[in-house]
C-alpha cells in the first residue's frame, strides 16, 4: 500500500493528526485536473476513535480545497470497518458527513 501511495505523491497531499505527540490518524487530499477535489484514505487508530479527530481532518482538508476553488465539487469516500459491537446502520461519524 505504501508503494501505491508513494506513486500518488505530487498530486496527493497527506495529513497526519497527533495527540500528545503520538500520530493517531491520517487522511489524504487529491486535486484532480478537472477541478474535482477528493478526500480519501482516512484512518484513525482504534484507541483514538470517537474523539472527532477524523472529522477535524476532513474539515481542515475541505477548507483547504475550498480556499482555492470555493465552489469546487468534493468527493468524500467513506467505508466503515465492521466492528463486532457496532449497531446496524451508519455510524454517527458517517451520518455527520
PDB file of N, CA and C in Angstrom:
ATOM      1  N   UNK A   1       0.823  -1.191   0.000  1.00  0.00           N
ATOM      2  CA  UNK A   1       0.000   0.000   0.000  1.00  0.00           C
ATOM      3  C   UNK A   1       0.869   1.257   0.000  1.00  0.00           C
ATOM      4  N   UNK A   2       1.973   1.227   0.748  1.00  0.00           N
ATOM      5  CA  UNK A   2       2.870   2.383   0.779  1.00  0.00           C
ATOM      6  C   UNK A   2       3.391   2.688  -0.619  1.00  0.00           C
ATOM      7  N   UNK A   3       3.761   1.672  -1.377  1.00  0.00           N
ATOM      8  CA  UNK A   3       4.252   1.864  -2.744  1.00  0.00           C
ATOM      9  C   UNK A   3       3.198   2.546  -3.595  1.00  0.00           C
ATOM     10  N   UNK A   4       1.966   2.112  -3.497  1.00  0.00           N
ATOM     11  CA  UNK A   4       0.875   2.728  -4.267  1.00  0.00           C
ATOM     12  C   UNK A   4       0.680   4.180  -3.853  1.00  0.00           C
ATOM     13  N   UNK A   5       0.685   4.455  -2.560  1.00  0.00           N
ATOM     14  CA  UNK A   5       0.517   5.822  -2.084  1.00  0.00           C
ATOM     15  C   UNK A   5       1.670   6.715  -2.521  1.00  0.00           C
ATOM     16  N   UNK A   6       2.885   6.185  -2.520  1.00  0.00           N
ATOM     17  CA  UNK A   6       4.035   6.987  -2.953  1.00  0.00           C
ATOM     18  C   UNK A   6       3.945   7.352  -4.426  1.00  0.00           C
ATOM     19  N   UNK A   7       3.346   6.487  -5.242  1.00  0.00           N
ATOM     20  CA  UNK A   7       3.157   6.799  -6.662  1.00  0.00           C
ATOM     21  C   UNK A   7       2.229   7.987  -6.844  1.00  0.00           C
ATOM     22  N   UNK A   8       1.322   8.172  -5.909  1.00  0.00           N
ATOM     23  CA  UNK A   8       0.384   9.284  -5.974  1.00  0.00           C
ATOM     24  C   UNK A   8       1.026  10.605  -5.541  1.00  0.00           C
ATOM     25  N   UNK A   9       2.159  10.533  -4.847  1.00  0.00           N
ATOM     26  CA  UNK A   9       2.800  11.729  -4.305  1.00  0.00           C
ATOM     27  C   UNK A   9       2.981  12.765  -5.401  1.00  0.00           C
ATOM     28  N   UNK A  10       2.715  14.005  -5.063  1.00  0.00           N
ATOM     29  CA  UNK A  10       2.755  15.087  -6.032  1.00  0.00           C
ATOM     30  C   UNK A  10       1.335  15.568  -6.285  1.00  0.00           C
ATOM     31  N   UNK A  11       0.452  14.671  -6.667  1.00  0.00           N
ATOM     32  CA  UNK A  11      -0.949  15.034  -6.841  1.00  0.00           C
ATOM     33  C   UNK A  11      -1.721  14.855  -5.547  1.00  0.00           C
ATOM     34  N   UNK A  12      -1.165  14.100  -4.627  1.00  0.00           N
ATOM     35  CA  UNK A  12      -1.820  13.830  -3.356  1.00  0.00           C
ATOM     36  C   UNK A  12      -0.995  14.443  -2.232  1.00  0.00           C
ATOM     37  N   UNK A  13      -1.692  15.066  -1.287  1.00  0.00           N
ATOM     38  CA  UNK A  13      -1.029  15.568  -0.083  1.00  0.00           C
ATOM     39  C   UNK A  13      -1.600  14.791   1.100  1.00  0.00           C
ATOM     40  N   UNK A  14      -0.721  14.412   1.996  1.00  0.00           N
ATOM     41  CA  UNK A  14      -1.112  13.607   3.149  1.00  0.00           C
ATOM     42  C   UNK A  14      -1.107  14.475   4.404  1.00  0.00           C
ATOM     43  N   UNK A  15      -2.062  14.222   5.288  1.00  0.00           N
ATOM     44  CA  UNK A  15      -2.208  14.960   6.535  1.00  0.00           C
ATOM     45  C   UNK A  15      -2.194  13.970   7.688  1.00  0.00           C
ATOM     46  N   UNK A  16      -1.504  14.348   8.735  1.00  0.00           N
ATOM     47  CA  UNK A  16      -1.339  13.489   9.898  1.00  0.00           C
ATOM     48  C   UNK A  16      -1.864  14.225  11.127  1.00  0.00           C
ATOM     49  N   UNK A  17      -2.616  13.531  11.962  1.00  0.00           N
ATOM     50  CA  UNK A  17      -3.113  14.105  13.210  1.00  0.00           C
ATOM     51  C   UNK A  17      -2.416  13.408  14.372  1.00  0.00           C
ATOM     52  N   UNK A  18      -2.085  14.192  15.393  1.00  0.00           N
ATOM     53  CA  UNK A  18      -1.381  13.643  16.553  1.00  0.00           C
ATOM     54  C   UNK A  18      -2.065  14.086  17.842  1.00  0.00           C
ATOM     55  N   UNK A  19      -1.993  13.226  18.836  1.00  0.00           N
ATOM     56  CA  UNK A  19      -2.432  13.527  20.196  1.00  0.00           C
ATOM     57  C   UNK A  19      -1.236  13.301  21.108  1.00  0.00           C
ATOM     58  N   UNK A  20      -0.897  14.308  21.876  1.00  0.00           N
ATOM     59  CA  UNK A  20       0.235  14.219  22.802  1.00  0.00           C
ATOM     60  C   UNK A  20       1.495  13.714  22.109  1.00  0.00           C
ATOM     61  N   UNK A  21       1.714  14.193  20.881  1.00  0.00           N
ATOM     62  CA  UNK A  21       2.920  13.822  20.147  1.00  0.00           C
ATOM     63  C   UNK A  21       2.874  12.463  19.470  1.00  0.00           C
ATOM     64  N   UNK A  22       1.773  11.754  19.599  1.00  0.00           N
ATOM     65  CA  UNK A  22       1.636  10.424  19.002  1.00  0.00           C
ATOM     66  C   UNK A  22       0.728  10.503  17.776  1.00  0.00           C
ATOM     67  N   UNK A  23       1.226  10.046  16.617  1.00  0.00           N
ATOM     68  CA  UNK A  23       0.411  10.008  15.412  1.00  0.00           C
ATOM     69  C   UNK A  23      -0.755   9.050  15.609  1.00  0.00           C
ATOM     70  N   UNK A  24      -1.994   9.535  15.378  1.00  0.00           N
ATOM     71  CA  UNK A  24      -3.170   8.697  15.617  1.00  0.00           C
ATOM     72  C   UNK A  24      -4.113   8.607  14.416  1.00  0.00           C
ATOM     73  N   UNK A  25      -3.933   9.488  13.412  1.00  0.00           N
ATOM     74  CA  UNK A  25      -4.845   9.471  12.272  1.00  0.00           C
ATOM     75  C   UNK A  25      -4.179  10.112  11.061  1.00  0.00           C
ATOM     76  N   UNK A  26      -4.678   9.732   9.887  1.00  0.00           N
ATOM     77  CA  UNK A  26      -4.202  10.374   8.665  1.00  0.00           C
ATOM     78  C   UNK A  26      -5.322  10.424   7.639  1.00  0.00           C
ATOM     79  N   UNK A  27      -5.119  11.267   6.639  1.00  0.00           N
ATOM     80  CA  UNK A  27      -6.046  11.385   5.510  1.00  0.00           C
ATOM     81  C   UNK A  27      -5.258  11.980   4.353  1.00  0.00           C
ATOM     82  N   UNK A  28      -5.834  11.898   3.161  1.00  0.00           N
ATOM     83  CA  UNK A  28      -5.154  12.489   2.012  1.00  0.00           C
ATOM     84  C   UNK A  28      -6.113  13.362   1.216  1.00  0.00           C
ATOM     85  N   UNK A  29      -5.516  14.302   0.486  1.00  0.00           N
ATOM     86  CA  UNK A  29      -6.251  15.245  -0.353  1.00  0.00           C
ATOM     87  C   UNK A  29      -5.742  15.110  -1.773  1.00  0.00           C
ATOM     88  N   UNK A  30      -6.676  15.036  -2.723  1.00  0.00           N
ATOM     89  CA  UNK A  30      -6.323  14.959  -4.138  1.00  0.00           C
ATOM     90  C   UNK A  30      -6.996  16.123  -4.842  1.00  0.00           C
ATOM     91  N   UNK A  31      -6.235  16.829  -5.679  1.00  0.00           N
ATOM     92  CA  UNK A  31      -6.784  17.883  -6.516  1.00  0.00           C
ATOM     93  C   UNK A  31      -6.678  17.407  -7.956  1.00  0.00           C
ATOM     94  N   UNK A  32      -7.806  17.033  -8.538  1.00  0.00           N
ATOM     95  CA  UNK A  32      -7.836  16.490  -9.895  1.00  0.00           C
ATOM     96  C   UNK A  32      -7.736  17.609 -10.930  1.00  0.00           C
ATOM     97  N   UNK A  33      -7.192  17.296 -12.110  1.00  0.00           N
ATOM     98  CA  UNK A  33      -7.071  18.309 -13.164  1.00  0.00           C
ATOM     99  C   UNK A  33      -8.405  18.924 -13.589  1.00  0.00           C
ATOM    100  N   UNK A  34      -9.505  18.187 -13.435  1.00  0.00           N
ATOM    101  CA  UNK A  34     -10.818  18.710 -13.824  1.00  0.00           C
ATOM    102  C   UNK A  34     -11.455  19.592 -12.751  1.00  0.00           C
ATOM    103  N   UNK A  35     -10.736  19.844 -11.651  1.00  0.00           N
ATOM    104  CA  UNK A  35     -11.243  20.700 -10.589  1.00  0.00           C
ATOM    105  C   UNK A  35     -11.871  19.954  -9.425  1.00  0.00           C
ATOM    106  N   UNK A  36     -12.147  18.664  -9.594  1.00  0.00           N
ATOM    107  CA  UNK A  36     -12.720  17.873  -8.512  1.00  0.00           C
ATOM    108  C   UNK A  36     -11.705  17.733  -7.384  1.00  0.00           C
ATOM    109  N   UNK A  37     -12.177  17.824  -6.167  1.00  0.00           N
ATOM    110  CA  UNK A  37     -11.343  17.553  -5.006  1.00  0.00           C
ATOM    111  C   UNK A  37     -11.775  16.248  -4.377  1.00  0.00           C
ATOM    112  N   UNK A  38     -10.825  15.507  -3.826  1.00  0.00           N
ATOM    113  CA  UNK A  38     -11.159  14.252  -3.163  1.00  0.00           C
ATOM    114  C   UNK A  38     -10.466  14.186  -1.812  1.00  0.00           C
ATOM    115  N   UNK A  39     -11.193  13.694  -0.843  1.00  0.00           N
ATOM    116  CA  UNK A  39     -10.635  13.404   0.478  1.00  0.00           C
ATOM    117  C   UNK A  39     -10.765  11.902   0.647  1.00  0.00           C
ATOM    118  N   UNK A  40      -9.626  11.234   0.844  1.00  0.00           N
ATOM    119  CA  UNK A  40      -9.656   9.778   0.889  1.00  0.00           C
ATOM    120  C   UNK A  40      -8.588   9.235   1.826  1.00  0.00           C
ATOM    121  N   UNK A  41      -8.525   7.927   1.911  1.00  0.00           N
ATOM    122  CA  UNK A  41      -7.534   7.231   2.740  1.00  0.00           C
ATOM    123  C   UNK A  41      -7.568   7.710   4.189  1.00  0.00           C
ATOM    124  N   UNK A  42      -8.757   7.878   4.738  1.00  0.00           N
ATOM    125  CA  UNK A  42      -8.921   8.347   6.116  1.00  0.00           C
ATOM    126  C   UNK A  42      -8.818   7.154   7.062  1.00  0.00           C
ATOM    127  N   UNK A  43      -7.988   7.311   8.072  1.00  0.00           N
ATOM    128  CA  UNK A  43      -7.828   6.233   9.048  1.00  0.00           C
ATOM    129  C   UNK A  43      -7.496   6.822  10.413  1.00  0.00           C
ATOM    130  N   UNK A  44      -8.126   6.276  11.439  1.00  0.00           N
ATOM    131  CA  UNK A  44      -7.831   6.648  12.826  1.00  0.00           C
ATOM    132  C   UNK A  44      -7.569   5.375  13.615  1.00  0.00           C
ATOM    133  N   UNK A  45      -6.531   5.385  14.423  1.00  0.00           N
ATOM    134  CA  UNK A  45      -6.251   4.227  15.275  1.00  0.00           C
ATOM    135  C   UNK A  45      -7.444   3.963  16.181  1.00  0.00           C
ATOM    136  N   UNK A  46      -7.744   2.704  16.453  1.00  0.00           N
ATOM    137  CA  UNK A  46      -8.894   2.373  17.308  1.00  0.00           C
ATOM    138  C   UNK A  46      -8.883   3.084  18.667  1.00  0.00           C
ATOM    139  N   UNK A  47      -7.718   3.246  19.278  1.00  0.00           N
ATOM    140  CA  UNK A  47      -7.650   3.888  20.604  1.00  0.00           C
ATOM    141  C   UNK A  47      -7.981   5.376  20.556  1.00  0.00           C
ATOM    142  N   UNK A  48      -7.979   5.968  19.369  1.00  0.00           N
ATOM    143  CA  UNK A  48      -8.234   7.405  19.239  1.00  0.00           C
ATOM    144  C   UNK A  48      -9.581   7.705  18.575  1.00  0.00           C
ATOM    145  N   UNK A  49     -10.373   6.699  18.315  1.00  0.00           N
ATOM    146  CA  UNK A  49     -11.659   6.904  17.633  1.00  0.00           C
ATOM    147  C   UNK A  49     -12.691   7.533  18.568  1.00  0.00           C
ATOM    148  N   UNK A  50     -13.714   8.101  17.951  1.00  0.00           N
ATOM    149  CA  UNK A  50     -14.841   8.723  18.662  1.00  0.00           C
ATOM    150  C   UNK A  50     -14.412   9.955  19.452  1.00  0.00           C
ATOM    151  N   UNK A  51     -13.392  10.652  18.961  1.00  0.00           N
ATOM    152  CA  UNK A  51     -12.937  11.893  19.583  1.00  0.00           C
ATOM    153  C   UNK A  51     -13.018  13.068  18.609  1.00  0.00           C
ATOM    154  N   UNK A  52     -13.539  12.838  17.412  1.00  0.00           N
ATOM    155  CA  UNK A  52     -13.670  13.914  16.432  1.00  0.00           C
ATOM    156  C   UNK A  52     -12.417  14.177  15.614  1.00  0.00           C
ATOM    157  N   UNK A  53     -11.436  13.296  15.707  1.00  0.00           N
ATOM    158  CA  UNK A  53     -10.167  13.522  15.007  1.00  0.00           C
ATOM    159  C   UNK A  53     -10.343  13.415  13.500  1.00  0.00           C
ATOM    160  N   UNK A  54     -11.002  12.373  13.020  1.00  0.00           N
ATOM    161  CA  UNK A  54     -11.222  12.235  11.580  1.00  0.00           C
ATOM    162  C   UNK A  54     -12.075  13.390  11.061  1.00  0.00           C
ATOM    163  N   UNK A  55     -13.076  13.789  11.822  1.00  0.00           N
ATOM    164  CA  UNK A  55     -13.910  14.928  11.414  1.00  0.00           C
ATOM    165  C   UNK A  55     -13.088  16.204  11.304  1.00  0.00           C
ATOM    166  N   UNK A  56     -12.175  16.404  12.239  1.00  0.00           N
ATOM    167  CA  UNK A  56     -11.318  17.588  12.183  1.00  0.00           C
ATOM    168  C   UNK A  56     -10.397  17.548  10.967  1.00  0.00           C
ATOM    169  N   UNK A  57      -9.853  16.369  10.663  1.00  0.00           N
ATOM    170  CA  UNK A  57      -9.022  16.230   9.458  1.00  0.00           C
ATOM    171  C   UNK A  57      -9.826  16.551   8.204  1.00  0.00           C
ATOM    172  N   UNK A  58     -11.022  16.000   8.102  1.00  0.00           N
ATOM    173  CA  UNK A  58     -11.865  16.234   6.929  1.00  0.00           C
ATOM    174  C   UNK A  58     -12.202  17.720   6.807  1.00  0.00           C
ATOM    175  N   UNK A  59     -12.596  18.350   7.905  1.00  0.00           N
ATOM    176  CA  UNK A  59     -12.939  19.773   7.872  1.00  0.00           C
ATOM    177  C   UNK A  59     -11.737  20.619   7.446  1.00  0.00           C
ATOM    178  N   UNK A  60     -10.560  20.280   7.943  1.00  0.00           N
ATOM    179  CA  UNK A  60      -9.348  21.012   7.581  1.00  0.00           C
ATOM    180  C   UNK A  60      -9.051  20.869   6.093  1.00  0.00           C
ATOM    181  N   UNK A  61      -9.105  19.649   5.588  1.00  0.00           N
ATOM    182  CA  UNK A  61      -8.805  19.406   4.177  1.00  0.00           C
ATOM    183  C   UNK A  61      -9.869  20.044   3.290  1.00  0.00           C
ATOM    184  N   UNK A  62     -11.131  19.941   3.673  1.00  0.00           N
ATOM    185  CA  UNK A  62     -12.207  20.565   2.903  1.00  0.00           C
ATOM    186  C   UNK A  62     -12.005  22.072   2.832  1.00  0.00           C
ATOM    187  N   UNK A  63     -11.621  22.675   3.941  1.00  0.00           N
ATOM    188  CA  UNK A  63     -11.333  24.109   3.955  1.00  0.00           C
ATOM    189  C   UNK A  63     -10.205  24.476   3.002  1.00  0.00           C
ATOM    190  N   UNK A  64      -9.166  23.664   2.951  1.00  0.00           N
ATOM    191  CA  UNK A  64      -8.045  23.912   2.045  1.00  0.00           C
ATOM    192  C   UNK A  64      -8.471  23.790   0.584  1.00  0.00           C
ATOM    193  N   UNK A  65      -9.285  22.767   0.279  1.00  0.00           N
ATOM    194  CA  UNK A  65      -9.770  22.599  -1.090  1.00  0.00           C
ATOM    195  C   UNK A  65     -10.661  23.767  -1.511  1.00  0.00           C
ATOM    196  N   UNK A  66     -11.548  24.191  -0.629  1.00  0.00           N
ATOM    197  CA  UNK A  66     -12.490  25.256  -0.956  1.00  0.00           C
ATOM    198  C   UNK A  66     -11.826  26.632  -0.943  1.00  0.00           C
ATOM    199  N   UNK A  67     -10.704  26.790  -0.241  1.00  0.00           N
ATOM    200  CA  UNK A  67      -9.999  28.079  -0.228  1.00  0.00           C
ATOM    201  C   UNK A  67      -9.485  28.412  -1.624  1.00  0.00           C
ATOM    202  N   UNK A  68      -9.077  27.404  -2.354  1.00  0.00           N
ATOM    203  CA  UNK A  68      -8.535  27.609  -3.700  1.00  0.00           C
ATOM    204  C   UNK A  68      -9.639  27.755  -4.736  1.00  0.00           C
ATOM    205  N   UNK A  69     -10.668  26.928  -4.638  1.00  0.00           N
ATOM    206  CA  UNK A  69     -11.803  26.969  -5.566  1.00  0.00           C
ATOM    207  C   UNK A  69     -13.064  26.829  -4.708  1.00  0.00           C
ATOM    208  N   UNK A  70     -13.707  27.958  -4.341  1.00  0.00           N
ATOM    209  CA  UNK A  70     -14.830  27.913  -3.399  1.00  0.00           C
ATOM    210  C   UNK A  70     -15.986  26.990  -3.774  1.00  0.00           C
ATOM    211  N   UNK A  71     -16.316  26.876  -5.051  1.00  0.00           N
ATOM    212  CA  UNK A  71     -17.448  26.027  -5.441  1.00  0.00           C
ATOM    213  C   UNK A  71     -17.001  24.683  -6.006  1.00  0.00           C
ATOM    214  N   UNK A  72     -15.800  24.289  -5.681  1.00  0.00           N
ATOM    215  CA  UNK A  72     -15.248  23.016  -6.156  1.00  0.00           C
ATOM    216  C   UNK A  72     -16.079  21.839  -5.639  1.00  0.00           C
ATOM    217  N   UNK A  73     -16.443  20.910  -6.522  1.00  0.00           N
ATOM    218  CA  UNK A  73     -17.085  19.691  -6.025  1.00  0.00           C
ATOM    219  C   UNK A  73     -16.039  18.838  -5.303  1.00  0.00           C
ATOM    220  N   UNK A  74     -16.436  18.248  -4.192  1.00  0.00           N
ATOM    221  CA  UNK A  74     -15.517  17.433  -3.397  1.00  0.00           C
ATOM    222  C   UNK A  74     -16.151  16.063  -3.161  1.00  0.00           C
ATOM    223  N   UNK A  75     -15.390  15.037  -3.453  1.00  0.00           N
ATOM    224  CA  UNK A  75     -15.807  13.658  -3.226  1.00  0.00           C
ATOM    225  C   UNK A  75     -15.189  13.181  -1.920  1.00  0.00           C
ATOM    226  N   UNK A  76     -16.017  12.667  -1.039  1.00  0.00           N
ATOM    227  CA  UNK A  76     -15.549  12.102   0.221  1.00  0.00           C
ATOM    228  C   UNK A  76     -15.972  10.643   0.243  1.00  0.00           C
ATOM    229  N   UNK A  77     -15.001   9.764   0.154  1.00  0.00           N
ATOM    230  CA  UNK A  77     -15.299   8.337   0.161  1.00  0.00           C
ATOM    231  C   UNK A  77     -15.126   7.764   1.551  1.00  0.00           C
ATOM    232  N   UNK A  78     -16.187   7.187   2.081  1.00  0.00           N
ATOM    233  CA  UNK A  78     -16.127   6.575   3.414  1.00  0.00           C
ATOM    234  C   UNK A  78     -16.502   5.107   3.327  1.00  0.00           C
ATOM    235  N   UNK A  79     -15.734   4.296   4.014  1.00  0.00           N
ATOM    236  CA  UNK A  79     -16.061   2.888   4.142  1.00  0.00           C
ATOM    237  C   UNK A  79     -15.842   2.527   5.602  1.00  0.00           C
ATOM    238  N   UNK A  80     -16.891   2.172   6.279  1.00  0.00           N
ATOM    239  CA  UNK A  80     -16.795   1.876   7.702  1.00  0.00           C
ATOM    240  C   UNK A  80     -16.343   0.444   7.898  1.00  0.00           C
ATOM    241  N   UNK A  81     -15.333   0.282   8.707  1.00  0.00           N
ATOM    242  CA  UNK A  81     -14.898  -1.062   9.073  1.00  0.00           C
ATOM    243  C   UNK A  81     -15.943  -1.671   9.997  1.00  0.00           C
ATOM    244  N   UNK A  82     -16.213  -2.933   9.816  1.00  0.00           N
ATOM    245  CA  UNK A  82     -17.193  -3.592  10.683  1.00  0.00           C
ATOM    246  C   UNK A  82     -16.567  -3.836  12.042  1.00  0.00           C
ATOM    247  N   UNK A  83     -17.280  -3.454  13.051  1.00  0.00           N
ATOM    248  CA  UNK A  83     -16.845  -3.703  14.414  1.00  0.00           C
ATOM    249  C   UNK A  83     -17.858  -4.638  15.057  1.00  0.00           C
ATOM    250  N   UNK A  84     -17.415  -5.616  15.833  1.00  0.00           N
ATOM    251  CA  UNK A  84     -18.356  -6.546  16.464  1.00  0.00           C
ATOM    252  C   UNK A  84     -19.418  -5.845  17.309  1.00  0.00           C
ATOM    253  N   UNK A  85     -19.081  -4.724  17.927  1.00  0.00           N
ATOM    254  CA  UNK A  85     -20.034  -4.052  18.810  1.00  0.00           C
ATOM    255  C   UNK A  85     -20.854  -2.990  18.082  1.00  0.00           C
ATOM    256  N   UNK A  86     -20.590  -2.795  16.806  1.00  0.00           N
ATOM    257  CA  UNK A  86     -21.300  -1.736  16.069  1.00  0.00           C
ATOM    258  C   UNK A  86     -22.759  -2.126  15.856  1.00  0.00           C
ATOM    259  N   UNK A  87     -23.633  -1.155  16.033  1.00  0.00           N
ATOM    260  CA  UNK A  87     -25.044  -1.409  15.762  1.00  0.00           C
ATOM    261  C   UNK A  87     -25.272  -1.337  14.259  1.00  0.00           C
ATOM    262  N   UNK A  88     -26.405  -1.767  13.824  1.00  0.00           N
ATOM    263  CA  UNK A  88     -26.696  -1.718  12.395  1.00  0.00           C
ATOM    264  C   UNK A  88     -26.897  -0.276  11.967  1.00  0.00           C
ATOM    265  N   UNK A  89     -26.657  -0.028  10.694  1.00  0.00           N
ATOM    266  CA  UNK A  89     -26.804   1.321  10.162  1.00  0.00           C
ATOM    267  C   UNK A  89     -25.507   2.087  10.221  1.00  0.00           C
ATOM    268  N   UNK A  90     -25.544   3.305   9.699  1.00  0.00           N
ATOM    269  CA  UNK A  90     -24.349   4.140   9.629  1.00  0.00           C
ATOM    270  C   UNK A  90     -23.952   4.635  11.014  1.00  0.00           C
ATOM    271  N   UNK A  91     -22.656   4.801  11.212  1.00  0.00           N
ATOM    272  CA  UNK A  91     -22.160   5.344  12.470  1.00  0.00           C
ATOM    273  C   UNK A  91     -22.485   6.831  12.541  1.00  0.00           C
ATOM    274  N   UNK A  92     -22.381   7.408  13.709  1.00  0.00           N
ATOM    275  CA  UNK A  92     -22.610   8.848  13.878  1.00  0.00           C
ATOM    276  C   UNK A  92     -21.636   9.633  13.006  1.00  0.00           C
ATOM    277  N   UNK A  93     -20.409   9.155  12.894  1.00  0.00           N
ATOM    278  CA  UNK A  93     -19.419   9.820  12.050  1.00  0.00           C
ATOM    279  C   UNK A  93     -19.869   9.829  10.594  1.00  0.00           C
ATOM    280  N   UNK A  94     -20.276   8.685  10.062  1.00  0.00           N
ATOM    281  CA  UNK A  94     -20.716   8.597   8.672  1.00  0.00           C
ATOM    282  C   UNK A  94     -21.939   9.477   8.429  1.00  0.00           C
ATOM    283  N   UNK A  95     -22.892   9.455   9.336  1.00  0.00           N
ATOM    284  CA  UNK A  95     -24.097  10.278   9.179  1.00  0.00           C
ATOM    285  C   UNK A  95     -23.759  11.756   9.195  1.00  0.00           C
ATOM    286  N   UNK A  96     -22.775  12.176   9.987  1.00  0.00           N
ATOM    287  CA  UNK A  96     -22.450  13.594  10.083  1.00  0.00           C
ATOM    288  C   UNK A  96     -21.821  14.130   8.812  1.00  0.00           C
ATOM    289  N   UNK A  97     -21.177  13.278   8.032  1.00  0.00           N
ATOM    290  CA  UNK A  97     -20.559  13.718   6.783  1.00  0.00           C
ATOM    291  C   UNK A  97     -21.403  13.318   5.592  1.00  0.00           C
TER     292      UNK A  97
END
